[in-house]
Protein backbone atom coordinates (compact mmCIF):
# COMPACT_ATOMS: atom_id res chain seq x y z
CA MET A 1 -56.56 -15.21 -162.74
CA GLU A 2 -57.35 -11.61 -161.90
CA SER A 3 -57.80 -12.50 -158.22
CA ILE A 4 -54.35 -14.05 -158.14
CA LYS A 5 -52.85 -10.89 -159.62
CA GLU A 6 -54.67 -8.82 -157.01
CA SER A 7 -53.51 -11.13 -154.20
CA LEU A 8 -49.92 -11.01 -155.42
CA SER A 9 -50.09 -7.24 -155.67
CA ALA A 10 -51.51 -6.94 -152.15
CA LEU A 11 -48.92 -9.32 -150.73
CA THR A 12 -46.11 -7.45 -152.51
CA ASP A 13 -47.35 -4.13 -151.12
CA MET A 14 -47.64 -5.60 -147.62
CA PHE A 15 -44.18 -7.18 -147.87
CA ASN A 16 -42.62 -3.91 -149.07
CA ALA A 17 -44.35 -1.94 -146.29
CA ARG A 18 -43.10 -4.36 -143.62
CA MET A 19 -39.60 -4.35 -144.99
CA ASN A 20 -39.61 -0.51 -145.10
CA ASP A 21 -40.82 -0.40 -141.51
CA PHE A 22 -38.14 -2.88 -140.49
CA GLN A 23 -35.47 -0.84 -142.31
CA GLN A 24 -36.64 2.36 -140.59
CA ASP A 25 -36.51 0.65 -137.21
CA LEU A 26 -32.98 -0.51 -137.96
CA ASN A 27 -31.95 2.98 -138.97
CA LYS A 28 -33.46 4.50 -135.79
CA THR A 29 -31.55 2.13 -133.57
CA SER A 30 -28.10 3.41 -132.76
CA SER A 31 -26.91 0.08 -131.36
CA PRO A 32 -26.44 -2.94 -133.59
CA VAL A 33 -29.24 -5.48 -133.78
CA THR A 34 -29.08 -7.78 -130.79
CA ASN A 35 -29.44 -11.50 -130.86
CA HIS A 36 -32.58 -11.14 -128.73
CA SER A 37 -34.53 -9.22 -131.35
CA LEU A 38 -33.56 -11.44 -134.28
CA PRO A 39 -35.79 -14.42 -133.34
CA VAL A 40 -38.80 -12.12 -132.95
CA GLU A 41 -38.17 -10.46 -136.30
CA PHE A 42 -37.59 -13.84 -137.93
CA SER A 43 -40.79 -15.26 -136.47
CA THR A 44 -42.78 -12.29 -137.73
CA PHE A 45 -41.29 -12.52 -141.18
CA ARG A 46 -41.80 -16.30 -141.27
CA SER A 47 -45.48 -16.03 -140.34
CA PHE A 48 -45.98 -13.38 -143.02
CA ILE A 49 -44.37 -15.55 -145.72
CA LEU A 50 -46.36 -18.62 -144.62
CA SER A 51 -49.63 -16.70 -144.77
CA ALA A 52 -48.71 -15.42 -148.23
CA LEU A 53 -47.96 -18.94 -149.42
CA ASN A 54 -51.22 -20.27 -147.97
CA THR A 55 -53.13 -17.52 -149.77
CA LEU A 56 -51.44 -18.36 -153.05
CA GLN A 57 -52.17 -22.06 -152.50
CA ARG A 58 -55.87 -21.33 -152.03
CA GLN A 59 -55.90 -19.23 -155.19
CA VAL A 60 -54.28 -22.05 -157.20
CA GLU A 61 -56.85 -24.51 -155.83
CA CYS A 62 -59.65 -22.16 -156.90
CA LEU A 63 -58.17 -21.93 -160.38
CA ALA A 64 -57.90 -25.71 -160.62
CA LEU A 65 -61.56 -26.05 -159.67
CA GLU A 66 -62.59 -23.48 -162.27
CA ILE A 67 -60.60 -25.26 -164.96
CA ASP A 68 -62.32 -28.53 -164.04
CA ARG A 69 -65.72 -26.83 -164.22
CA GLN A 70 -64.97 -25.39 -167.66
CA GLU A 71 -63.81 -28.75 -168.96
CA MET A 72 -66.96 -30.40 -167.64
CA ARG A 73 -69.14 -27.75 -169.31
CA ARG A 74 -67.32 -28.31 -172.59
CA ARG A 75 -67.91 -32.06 -172.35
CA HIS A 76 -71.52 -31.69 -171.21
CA LYS A 77 -73.06 -32.66 -174.54
CA MET A 78 -70.42 -35.16 -175.63
CA ILE A 79 -71.12 -38.83 -176.29
CA LEU A 80 -68.38 -41.42 -175.91
CA PHE A 81 -68.54 -44.66 -177.84
CA HIS A 82 -66.81 -47.66 -176.24
CA GLY A 83 -66.12 -51.07 -177.71
CA VAL A 84 -65.92 -49.88 -181.31
CA PRO A 85 -63.00 -51.55 -183.11
CA GLU A 86 -60.59 -49.08 -184.69
CA GLN A 87 -58.68 -49.28 -187.90
CA LYS A 88 -55.57 -47.32 -188.80
CA VAL A 89 -57.24 -45.44 -191.63
CA GLU A 90 -60.94 -44.82 -191.26
CA ASP A 91 -63.51 -42.06 -191.39
CA THR A 92 -64.64 -41.89 -187.76
CA THR A 93 -67.63 -39.74 -188.59
CA ALA A 94 -68.87 -42.29 -191.14
CA LYS A 95 -68.15 -45.15 -188.75
CA ILE A 96 -70.16 -43.56 -185.87
CA THR A 97 -72.94 -42.51 -188.24
CA GLY A 98 -73.26 -46.06 -189.48
CA LEU A 99 -73.27 -47.51 -185.94
CA VAL A 100 -75.92 -45.09 -184.71
CA ALA A 101 -78.11 -45.60 -187.79
CA GLU A 102 -77.80 -49.36 -187.52
CA HIS A 103 -78.27 -49.83 -183.76
CA LEU A 104 -80.96 -47.19 -183.31
CA ASP A 105 -82.75 -47.98 -186.59
CA LEU A 106 -82.48 -44.40 -187.87
CA SER A 107 -82.44 -44.63 -191.63
CA ASN A 108 -82.14 -40.86 -192.22
CA PHE A 109 -79.27 -40.34 -189.76
CA SER A 110 -76.19 -38.88 -191.50
CA SER A 111 -72.99 -37.04 -190.74
CA ALA A 112 -74.91 -33.78 -191.13
CA SER A 113 -76.78 -34.79 -187.95
CA ILE A 114 -73.54 -34.67 -185.92
CA LYS A 115 -72.27 -31.39 -184.54
CA GLN A 116 -68.51 -31.28 -184.16
CA THR A 117 -66.81 -28.71 -181.96
């Protein structure tokens, strides 16, 4: 997130500097802006904006990857149980404890053996 803030700050500074330079060039020119210079100025401005958008897109992609990594780390030690019939009102911890104790033949397995996060 910090890198996005830095990128936005750098892009804002660059944008303001270019706009100030453009304004100074306009003020120096005694004649009105000609139609010949407008396409060049527009092309320059367009390429700047496109590069800024590409930079932001890369930053968002990096953030999405980092979020995925964090979610995977959080799920690293998680066990999913499939095929267990559900009831509307049930104690899931007791249900899973009973299934594990029964299928793995662990007589001393209890809900205290399960770490919940």
